[in-house]
Amino acid sequence: MKIKYVEIDSLFGRDGTITLNFHDDINVLTGKNGAGKTNILKLIWYIISGNIDKAIEEINFRSCYIITDIYEIRVNLLSRNFCNVHFVSEETGAVQFIDYEDEHDGYNVSAEHEANQHIKNLGSSVFLPTFRRIEGGFTLDTRQSNTFYRKITKNEIEEALNKLSLHLSNSDHFFVTSISSVDISNLLLKQYTRISEYSNEIQKVQAENIIKSISSFSQKADSHKEGELSEAIKLIENIKTQIEYSEKLRNNEMKPLLEVQKVVQKIFKKSGIEFTKKITFGDAATAIKSNMLSAGEKQMLSFICYNAFYNDTIFFIDEPELSLHVDWQRRLFLTLNQQNPSNQFIITTHSPFIYSKYPEKEVCIDIQKDKGNSENLGESNE
């Protein structure tokens, strides 16, 4: 999925409309301090990931209209407690979700809840926030505590972040709350396990087919002596074809993992990195453990891994330069785009080492006093 166009009315209650046209590959959101870069990033992701209720709860806006390559959606706030949502796609046509309350029957229909269920299974995305902003920038229902000033343990922080990730992630839309070596190792191990199970299943089916072919040949050979050599050659060719096809399937599944290994070995000045006992990139004898990597190395590795294992996905990245060395800032999106050109990247940054590399990919946040082009999907004051 790709985002093509976004239009936001009255962000932060300000008069005017923000219109943004996006590229299919790299998009660098720029604007003055206070223009709302991070909030725009959050607003777009909340809507396409099926978290419209969070968008309404956290961000002050009147309407938001988004065009992707598979659907269009517009969220209109009628008041702080009521909204309606317009949705259009080739598959469904036009669908409208409206808040409805029947006081007599006590039956409530939430437009955002109904729209969330409809949209969360469409497309895929990954949100990588500025981790210093998670604490105050994303909501998670919590209980009040009288022990506010007590020392918070590392495990409690990790548990809270995991809850936040689970709370915001829907279907193929993922909110990443941590870039620790443990999370990276778990991601790699999950993919390695999936690939291993897939390979085992292929080998099982292949073995069964070969046994059937040999058994069938043996039965024919007993009853037909003539042409046995010709039949044997055909059998061998058939088995060879099956093996080659199975290897092709396995290699296709292994490709993302091998691509990660290739990029890691090219970028990181390490002889080898050990993630788990089963997964080591480079020389296993001299490999360092992944938890010994610097914060910047872990962050870069996180970008590379997620980018490898998710295709046709929109990546939202807030200030990726934090913890990254200047050289890596320069190379980051060139590396990611070359690694997986099927993905779209929408980023906010203050780093000249990033935005100066992509002047043609700049998406400037500029408030227009005139209306944009979204009237066909519903007026903003509905």
Foldseek 3Di string as FASTA:
>chain_A
DAWAKKKFACWVPDHFIWIWGADQAEFEEDEDVVLCQVLVLVLVLCQQQLNNVQNLVQTDTAKMWTDGPFKIKMWGDQDSQWIKMWIAGPVPGIDIFGWDADPVVRDTGHRSNVSSVVRNQPAAAEEAEPLVCPVPRGDDDDDDDPPVPDDDDPVNVVVVQVNRQVVRGGNRYTYDNDLALLVLLVLLVVLVVVLVVVLVVLVVVLVVVLVVLVVVLVVVCVVDVPCNVVSVVVSVVVSVVSVVVSVVVSCVSCVLVVLLLVVCPVPDPFQKEDSDPVDIRHDPVRHDYRNPDFPQSSLLSVLSNVLSPDFLYEYEYEASCVVHDLVCLLCRSVSSCVSYVRYHYYYYHPDCSNCVNCVVNYIYGDGHNDDDDPPVRPDNND
